[in-house]
């Protein structure tokens, strides 16, 4: 199995935080304007335009929920159910396998401990397989079948040839991870000493990497090393119709790598062209974004954060958002100098790839469970949830929307 050997410092939260020289320019947004938008031109719904010509949006209604519930998720209700679904077997077969695996576990642990001592340098790792039937595979550098046969005759234990030891893979990957880290191209890497391969998670697209590799004179990586490139984004950071209303859209120029998943929330607003984060009882903060988030307009004319891969709206500027974190941010990061020059010295908040707090509480499995427990239709369950959310939101308009509903 793949063992993660390293996650580079700030990349835990954001992926690479600096740039490959020369630094890629931030989103093309005008730095200043002499006057307000000309009469008759597009103005975002709910926005006010100041004498600077930039927009302010303090609040916006969330996108309405659909009349019909989302499709049923049909989640398994047991561990055996998840196991069965993951490998395409019946739940009864999954229960049988789990029982047998549990019974074999003590023998498995004893064998692994023995091999680590008596076959050091030869035994590398163990992998569990599930098709066509379940078994444990033991990997050896030399004479795999004969070696394993000296210690067991259990048919559930199978011998396999190992291409490399973990130490050999670590030595092979190190020169490449060193150079990639120096150029801020990777968010981490790991090795698989069963299949004999190493994987480096790249925070750039293949095209961006090829440009750097050509400039630095790097050749091809060795065959056991696989580079996992970030996907190319289909949409730009700021839609043309929006550019006149914002001073700057500050975001990383590296794709999100390893993402911490603690929850955070706040209202993301636009003040005189600057995107800010407001939190109850806190100081307004300048918003900084991950690369995958863009700024656009929805069908009703509201300013929205958008998914730069799909183009789908993530929420309207002025509403409550939630995001995963914490995400690191410091003054050396891409676009920060322009953000400071155009929007001032307020504290920073890296909100990553935020999404509407109102839409994030829509969970198909919760609708399914309510319908099952109360013996009502999914439509009725969905309608009850929406009514409950509306009551909660009305009772606490200045707090993040709650997804807790018991009725």
Protein backbone atom coordinates (compact mmCIF):
# COMPACT_ATOMS: atom_id res chain seq x y z
CA UNK A 1 0.00 0.00 0.00
CA UNK A 2 1.06 3.60 -0.47
CA UNK A 3 2.82 5.01 2.56
CA UNK A 4 2.96 8.79 2.77
CA UNK A 5 6.52 9.74 3.62
CA UNK A 6 6.25 13.50 3.56
CA UNK A 7 3.82 16.37 3.42
CA UNK A 8 5.69 19.59 2.84
CA UNK A 9 5.20 22.23 5.54
CA UNK A 10 2.48 24.71 4.59
CA UNK A 11 1.32 22.31 1.91
CA UNK A 12 -0.71 20.55 4.57
CA UNK A 13 -3.14 23.39 4.32
CA UNK A 14 -2.71 24.92 0.93
CA UNK A 15 -0.26 23.11 -1.28
CA UNK A 16 2.72 25.22 -2.42
CA UNK A 17 2.63 28.73 -1.03
CA UNK A 18 5.18 30.42 -3.23
CA UNK A 19 5.93 30.54 -6.91
CA UNK A 20 8.30 29.18 -9.47
CA UNK A 21 10.26 32.14 -10.74
CA UNK A 22 9.14 34.13 -12.53
CA UNK A 23 5.97 34.42 -10.43
CA UNK A 24 2.73 33.94 -12.32
CA UNK A 25 0.68 37.16 -12.29
CA UNK A 26 -2.43 37.36 -10.13
CA UNK A 27 -5.89 37.59 -11.69
CA UNK A 28 -6.19 40.53 -14.07
CA UNK A 29 -8.40 42.95 -12.15
CA UNK A 30 -8.22 46.75 -12.57
CA UNK A 31 -6.35 48.52 -9.78
CA UNK A 32 -8.45 51.68 -9.72
CA UNK A 33 -11.16 53.58 -11.45
CA UNK A 34 -11.87 57.28 -11.57
CA UNK A 35 -15.65 57.13 -11.35
CA UNK A 36 -18.65 54.89 -10.81
CA UNK A 37 -19.88 52.46 -13.44
CA UNK A 38 -21.46 54.22 -16.39
CA UNK A 39 -25.26 54.49 -16.40
CA UNK A 40 -27.01 51.60 -18.06
CA UNK A 41 -24.09 49.19 -17.66
CA UNK A 42 -24.32 45.90 -15.77
CA UNK A 43 -24.47 46.20 -12.00
CA UNK A 44 -24.49 43.06 -9.85
CA UNK A 45 -27.78 42.37 -8.10
CA UNK A 46 -27.81 43.77 -4.57
CA UNK A 47 -24.56 45.70 -5.04
CA UNK A 48 -23.99 49.39 -4.38
CA UNK A 49 -21.36 51.26 -6.37
CA UNK A 50 -19.24 53.80 -4.52
CA UNK A 51 -17.57 56.90 -5.84
CA UNK A 52 -14.46 54.79 -6.45
CA UNK A 53 -16.44 52.75 -8.98
CA UNK A 54 -16.03 49.56 -6.99
CA UNK A 55 -18.88 47.51 -5.55
CA UNK A 56 -20.05 46.77 -2.03
CA UNK A 57 -22.18 43.71 -1.20
CA UNK A 58 -22.88 43.23 2.51
CA UNK A 59 -25.54 40.53 2.23
CA UNK A 60 -27.32 38.35 -0.29
CA UNK A 61 -30.07 35.75 -0.07
CA UNK A 62 -28.76 32.21 -0.51
CA UNK A 63 -29.69 30.38 -3.67
CA UNK A 64 -33.16 28.83 -3.12
CA UNK A 65 -33.35 25.12 -2.48
CA UNK A 66 -34.76 22.92 -5.20
CA UNK A 67 -38.39 21.84 -4.92
CA UNK A 68 -37.47 18.17 -5.26
CA UNK A 69 -34.99 16.45 -2.94
CA UNK A 70 -31.58 15.38 -4.24
CA UNK A 71 -31.33 11.77 -5.47
CA UNK A 72 -31.26 9.09 -2.80
CA UNK A 73 -27.82 8.11 -1.64
CA UNK A 74 -28.69 4.60 -0.51
CA UNK A 75 -25.84 4.37 1.98
CA UNK A 76 -25.03 0.99 3.51
CA UNK A 77 -26.10 0.66 7.12
CA UNK A 78 -23.30 -1.62 8.32
CA UNK A 79 -19.57 -2.15 7.99
CA UNK A 80 -20.26 -5.32 6.05
CA UNK A 81 -22.49 -3.35 3.72
CA UNK A 82 -19.71 -0.88 2.95
CA UNK A 83 -17.24 -3.74 2.41
CA UNK A 84 -19.67 -5.51 0.09
CA UNK A 85 -20.27 -2.41 -2.00
CA UNK A 86 -16.60 -1.49 -2.26
CA UNK A 87 -15.59 -4.80 -3.85
CA UNK A 88 -18.82 -5.88 -5.54
CA UNK A 89 -19.94 -8.85 -3.45
CA UNK A 90 -23.11 -9.66 -1.52
CA UNK A 91 -23.47 -8.52 2.07
CA UNK A 92 -23.72 -12.14 3.19
CA UNK A 93 -20.39 -12.88 1.49
CA UNK A 94 -18.90 -9.80 3.13
CA UNK A 95 -20.00 -10.98 6.58
CA UNK A 96 -18.44 -14.40 5.96
CA UNK A 97 -15.17 -12.86 4.81
CA UNK A 98 -14.95 -10.47 7.75
CA UNK A 99 -15.50 -13.34 10.17
CA UNK A 100 -12.71 -15.38 8.56
CA UNK A 101 -10.36 -12.41 8.44
CA UNK A 102 -10.90 -11.68 12.10
CA UNK A 103 -10.14 -15.30 13.00
CA UNK A 104 -6.92 -15.24 10.98
CA UNK A 105 -5.60 -11.98 12.41
CA UNK A 106 -3.48 -13.44 15.27
CA UNK A 107 -1.72 -15.84 12.87
CA UNK A 108 -1.14 -12.99 10.42
CA UNK A 109 0.47 -10.79 13.08
CA UNK A 110 2.75 -13.59 14.29
CA UNK A 111 3.92 -14.31 10.75
CA UNK A 112 4.68 -10.67 10.00
CA UNK A 113 6.69 -10.32 13.21
CA UNK A 114 8.66 -13.47 12.39
CA UNK A 115 9.45 -12.37 8.83
CA UNK A 116 10.62 -8.94 9.95
CA UNK A 117 13.25 -10.58 12.12
CA UNK A 118 14.29 -13.65 10.12
CA UNK A 119 13.92 -12.20 6.62
CA UNK A 120 15.17 -8.69 7.21
CA UNK A 121 16.37 -7.26 3.90
CA UNK A 122 14.28 -9.77 1.98
CA UNK A 123 10.72 -9.35 3.30
CA UNK A 124 9.40 -5.91 2.37
CA UNK A 125 5.65 -5.59 3.00
CA UNK A 126 2.21 -7.17 3.13
CA UNK A 127 -0.87 -6.34 1.08
CA UNK A 128 -4.44 -7.57 1.40
CA UNK A 129 -6.33 -8.42 -1.79
CA UNK A 130 -10.07 -8.94 -2.22
CA UNK A 131 -10.50 -10.36 -5.73
CA UNK A 132 -11.19 -13.00 -6.86
CA UNK A 133 -11.10 -14.00 -3.19
CA UNK A 134 -9.45 -12.44 -0.20
CA UNK A 135 -5.85 -13.22 0.76
CA UNK A 136 -2.72 -11.65 2.20
CA UNK A 137 0.24 -11.21 -0.13
CA UNK A 138 3.77 -11.21 1.29
CA UNK A 139 6.47 -9.52 -0.77
CA UNK A 140 10.11 -10.67 -0.90
CA UNK A 141 13.12 -9.52 -2.86
CA UNK A 142 14.50 -13.07 -3.27
CA UNK A 143 12.83 -16.46 -3.80
CA UNK A 144 9.36 -15.39 -2.65
CA UNK A 145 7.58 -18.75 -2.92
CA UNK A 146 10.33 -20.77 -1.30
CA UNK A 147 10.85 -18.20 1.43
CA UNK A 148 7.21 -18.02 2.48
CA UNK A 149 6.86 -21.82 2.34
CA UNK A 150 9.45 -22.11 5.13
CA UNK A 151 7.09 -20.32 7.52
CA UNK A 152 3.51 -21.22 6.54
CA UNK A 153 1.33 -23.44 4.39
CA UNK A 154 -1.83 -21.39 4.88
CA UNK A 155 -3.48 -20.87 1.47
CA UNK A 156 -4.64 -17.40 2.54
CA UNK A 157 -0.98 -16.31 2.56
CA UNK A 158 0.52 -15.79 -0.89
CA UNK A 159 4.10 -15.02 -1.94
CA UNK A 160 4.92 -12.18 -4.34
CA UNK A 161 8.13 -10.73 -5.74
CA UNK A 162 9.12 -7.25 -4.54
CA UNK A 163 10.91 -4.91 -6.93
CA UNK A 164 12.32 -2.58 -4.29
CA UNK A 165 12.62 -2.25 -0.55
CA UNK A 166 11.29 0.84 1.15
CA UNK A 167 14.85 2.07 1.67
CA UNK A 168 15.64 1.68 -2.03
CA UNK A 169 12.54 3.61 -3.01
CA UNK A 170 13.34 6.36 -0.53
CA UNK A 171 16.83 6.74 -2.00
CA UNK A 172 15.43 6.76 -5.53
CA UNK A 173 12.83 9.44 -4.84
CA UNK A 174 14.91 11.79 -2.68
CA UNK A 175 16.78 13.75 -5.43
CA UNK A 176 13.46 14.44 -7.14
CA UNK A 177 11.55 15.45 -4.05
CA UNK A 178 14.42 17.75 -3.08
CA UNK A 179 14.33 19.61 -6.39
CA UNK A 180 10.53 19.69 -6.51
CA UNK A 181 10.37 21.08 -2.97
CA UNK A 182 12.94 23.73 -3.84
CA UNK A 183 10.74 24.87 -6.74
CA UNK A 184 7.51 24.55 -4.73
CA UNK A 185 6.01 21.97 -7.09
CA UNK A 186 4.87 19.25 -4.70
CA UNK A 187 2.58 18.87 -1.73
CA UNK A 188 3.91 15.51 -0.57
CA UNK A 189 4.91 12.03 -1.64
CA UNK A 190 4.71 8.42 -0.64
CA UNK A 191 5.99 4.97 -1.54
CA UNK A 192 4.40 1.59 -2.12
CA UNK A 193 6.88 -1.14 -1.29
CA UNK A 194 4.51 -3.88 -2.42
CA UNK A 195 4.11 -2.77 -6.02
CA UNK A 196 7.53 -1.13 -5.92
CA UNK A 197 6.56 2.39 -6.89
CA UNK A 198 6.76 5.92 -5.55
CA UNK A 199 4.17 8.64 -6.05
CA UNK A 200 4.75 12.38 -5.92
CA UNK A 201 1.71 14.63 -5.60
CA UNK A 202 2.27 17.66 -7.82
CA UNK A 203 0.63 21.02 -7.14
CA UNK A 204 0.95 22.09 -10.77
CA UNK A 205 -0.45 20.83 -14.03
CA UNK A 206 1.65 18.68 -16.33
CA UNK A 207 2.04 21.61 -18.72
CA UNK A 208 3.30 23.87 -15.93
CA UNK A 209 5.70 21.19 -14.78
CA UNK A 210 7.09 20.62 -18.27
CA UNK A 211 7.89 24.33 -18.53
CA UNK A 212 9.87 24.25 -15.29
CA UNK A 213 11.58 20.94 -16.14
CA UNK A 214 12.66 22.25 -19.55
CA UNK A 215 14.00 25.46 -18.05
CA UNK A 216 15.94 23.57 -15.35
CA UNK A 217 17.19 20.86 -17.71
CA UNK A 218 15.59 17.95 -15.88
CA UNK A 219 15.26 14.64 -17.66
CA UNK A 220 12.55 12.04 -17.24
CA UNK A 221 11.87 10.70 -13.75
CA UNK A 222 12.86 7.05 -13.16
CA UNK A 223 10.21 4.49 -14.09
CA UNK A 224 9.20 3.56 -10.49
CA UNK A 225 8.30 7.20 -9.80
CA UNK A 226 4.86 8.41 -10.82
CA UNK A 227 3.99 12.12 -10.86
CA UNK A 228 0.36 12.91 -9.99
CA UNK A 229 -0.36 16.24 -11.65
CA UNK A 230 -3.05 18.72 -10.71
CA UNK A 231 -5.92 18.95 -13.16
CA UNK A 232 -6.03 21.93 -15.48
CA UNK A 233 -8.76 24.42 -14.59
CA UNK A 234 -11.40 25.13 -17.23
CA UNK A 235 -12.43 28.60 -16.07
CA UNK A 236 -10.49 31.76 -15.32
CA UNK A 237 -10.28 33.32 -11.85
CA UNK A 238 -12.50 36.36 -12.47
CA UNK A 239 -15.26 36.68 -15.07
CA UNK A 240 -14.97 39.70 -17.35
CA UNK A 241 -18.32 41.14 -16.24
CA UNK A 242 -17.13 41.18 -12.63
CA UNK A 243 -13.69 42.70 -13.09
CA UNK A 244 -14.79 46.37 -13.01
CA UNK A 245 -16.28 45.94 -9.53
CA UNK A 246 -13.39 44.35 -7.59
CA UNK A 247 -9.96 45.70 -6.80
CA UNK A 248 -8.17 42.36 -6.61
CA UNK A 249 -8.96 38.65 -6.29
CA UNK A 250 -6.11 37.23 -4.21
CA UNK A 251 -5.47 33.52 -4.55
CA UNK A 252 -2.73 30.94 -4.68
CA UNK A 253 -1.20 29.99 -8.02
CA UNK A 254 -0.71 26.39 -6.95
CA UNK A 255 -3.40 23.73 -6.78
CA UNK A 256 -4.67 22.50 -3.43
CA UNK A 257 -2.68 19.53 -2.20
CA UNK A 258 -3.27 17.90 1.17
CA UNK A 259 -6.27 19.66 2.71
CA UNK A 260 -6.88 19.80 6.45
CA UNK A 261 -10.54 19.28 7.21
CA UNK A 262 -11.38 21.20 10.37
CA UNK A 263 -14.49 23.26 9.73
CA UNK A 264 -14.57 27.07 9.65
CA UNK A 265 -17.26 29.54 8.67
CA UNK A 266 -17.91 33.21 8.07
CA UNK A 267 -19.77 35.67 5.92
CA UNK A 268 -17.78 36.61 2.80
CA UNK A 269 -18.65 40.15 1.69
CA UNK A 270 -17.39 42.75 -0.77
CA UNK A 271 -16.52 46.23 0.57
CA UNK A 272 -15.48 48.89 -1.87
CA UNK A 273 -14.03 46.22 -4.16
CA UNK A 274 -12.27 44.20 -1.46
CA UNK A 275 -13.41 40.71 -0.44
CA UNK A 276 -13.63 40.43 3.33
CA UNK A 277 -14.53 37.76 5.89
CA UNK A 278 -16.82 38.70 8.78
CA UNK A 279 -17.21 36.39 11.77
CA UNK A 280 -19.38 36.98 14.86
CA UNK A 281 -17.47 39.05 17.41
CA UNK A 282 -14.36 39.20 15.24
CA UNK A 283 -12.42 41.73 13.20
CA UNK A 284 -13.05 41.86 9.46
CA UNK A 285 -10.34 40.01 7.56
CA UNK A 286 -9.11 40.15 3.98
CA UNK A 287 -10.08 36.99 2.12
CA UNK A 288 -7.50 34.85 0.36
CA UNK A 289 -8.54 31.88 -1.80
CA UNK A 290 -7.24 28.61 -3.14
CA UNK A 291 -6.60 28.28 -6.82
CA UNK A 292 -9.74 26.28 -7.62
CA UNK A 293 -12.13 29.09 -6.64
CA UNK A 294 -13.14 31.93 -8.95
CA UNK A 295 -15.43 34.94 -8.94
CA UNK A 296 -18.40 35.31 -11.28
CA UNK A 297 -22.12 36.07 -11.62
CA UNK A 298 -25.07 33.69 -11.30
CA UNK A 299 -28.23 33.64 -13.39
CA UNK A 300 -29.94 36.15 -11.10
CA UNK A 301 -27.06 38.61 -11.37
CA UNK A 302 -25.57 38.03 -7.90
CA UNK A 303 -21.82 37.96 -7.45
CA UNK A 304 -20.82 34.38 -6.64
CA UNK A 305 -17.79 32.29 -5.86
CA UNK A 306 -17.46 29.61 -8.53
CA UNK A 307 -15.76 26.27 -9.00
CA UNK A 308 -13.10 26.89 -11.64
CA UNK A 309 -13.23 23.26 -12.74
CA UNK A 310 -16.97 22.91 -13.28
CA UNK A 311 -18.18 26.52 -13.39
CA UNK A 312 -20.83 25.72 -10.76
CA UNK A 313 -21.67 28.44 -8.20
CA UNK A 314 -20.38 27.80 -4.69
CA UNK A 315 -22.35 30.56 -3.02
CA UNK A 316 -23.25 34.23 -3.29
CA UNK A 317 -21.05 37.02 -2.02
CA UNK A 318 -22.74 38.31 1.12
CA UNK A 319 -23.96 34.95 2.47
CA UNK A 320 -22.50 32.57 5.02
CA UNK A 321 -19.81 30.19 3.79
CA UNK A 322 -18.04 27.17 5.24
CA UNK A 323 -14.57 25.90 4.37
CA UNK A 324 -12.00 23.31 5.35
CA UNK A 325 -8.88 24.38 7.20
CA UNK A 326 -6.93 25.76 8.83
CA UNK A 327 -5.15 27.11 5.74
CA UNK A 328 -1.82 28.88 6.07
CA UNK A 329 -1.33 32.39 4.74
CA UNK A 330 1.56 34.81 4.99
CA UNK A 331 2.84 37.93 3.28
CA UNK A 332 5.12 35.98 0.91
CA UNK A 333 2.27 34.24 -0.88
CA UNK A 334 1.21 35.01 -4.47
CA UNK A 335 -0.93 38.10 -4.86
CA UNK A 336 -0.47 39.29 -1.26
CA UNK A 337 1.52 42.38 -2.23
CA UNK A 338 -1.25 43.50 -4.58
CA UNK A 339 -3.91 42.66 -1.99
CA UNK A 340 -2.15 44.83 0.56
CA UNK A 341 -1.61 47.68 -1.92
CA UNK A 342 -5.25 47.73 -3.00
CA UNK A 343 -7.14 46.68 0.13
CA UNK A 344 -5.03 47.68 3.14
CA UNK A 345 -3.55 46.07 6.22
CA UNK A 346 -6.44 44.11 7.74
CA UNK A 347 -5.70 40.60 9.04
CA UNK A 348 -5.72 37.77 6.49
CA UNK A 349 -7.98 34.72 6.32
CA UNK A 350 -7.23 31.95 3.85
CA UNK A 351 -10.70 30.56 3.22
CA UNK A 352 -9.47 27.96 0.74
CA UNK A 353 -12.30 26.72 -1.47
CA UNK A 354 -15.41 27.86 0.43
CA UNK A 355 -18.97 26.80 -0.29
CA UNK A 356 -22.36 28.09 0.75
CA UNK A 357 -23.17 27.11 4.32
CA UNK A 358 -26.80 26.82 3.25
CA UNK A 359 -26.09 24.35 0.45
CA UNK A 360 -23.51 22.39 2.42
CA UNK A 361 -26.18 21.22 4.86
CA UNK A 362 -28.08 19.43 2.09
CA UNK A 363 -27.25 15.77 2.63
CA UNK A 364 -29.12 13.10 0.71
CA UNK A 365 -28.41 10.47 3.36
CA UNK A 366 -30.04 12.64 6.04
CA UNK A 367 -33.21 12.89 3.95
CA UNK A 368 -33.10 9.12 3.40
CA UNK A 369 -32.72 8.46 7.13
CA UNK A 370 -35.52 10.83 8.12
CA UNK A 371 -37.85 9.24 5.59
CA UNK A 372 -36.97 5.75 6.82
CA UNK A 373 -37.27 6.48 10.54
CA UNK A 374 -40.53 8.41 10.28
CA UNK A 375 -42.03 6.31 7.52
CA UNK A 376 -42.68 9.27 5.27
CA UNK A 377 -41.76 9.97 1.66
CA UNK A 378 -38.43 11.51 0.75
CA UNK A 379 -40.32 14.55 -0.55
CA UNK A 380 -42.02 15.05 2.80
CA UNK A 381 -38.72 14.61 4.62
CA UNK A 382 -37.10 17.19 2.35
CA UNK A 383 -39.94 19.66 2.89
CA UNK A 384 -39.71 19.21 6.67
CA UNK A 385 -35.97 19.86 6.63
CA UNK A 386 -36.39 23.04 4.61
CA UNK A 387 -39.08 24.34 6.98
CA UNK A 388 -36.89 23.54 9.98
CA UNK A 389 -33.87 25.30 8.45
CA UNK A 390 -35.98 28.37 7.68
CA UNK A 391 -37.07 28.57 11.35
CA UNK A 392 -33.50 28.17 12.57
CA UNK A 393 -32.17 30.81 10.19
CA UNK A 394 -34.88 33.31 11.13
CA UNK A 395 -34.18 32.80 14.84
CA UNK A 396 -30.44 33.47 14.48
CA UNK A 397 -29.85 35.65 11.38
CA UNK A 398 -26.40 36.74 12.52
CA UNK A 399 -25.08 33.25 13.15
CA UNK A 400 -23.90 30.56 10.72
CA UNK A 401 -26.85 28.50 9.45
CA UNK A 402 -27.47 25.35 11.44
CA UNK A 403 -28.19 21.98 9.91
CA UNK A 404 -29.61 20.56 13.13
CA UNK A 405 -33.25 19.57 12.72
CA UNK A 406 -35.27 17.12 14.82
CA UNK A 407 -38.72 17.69 13.41
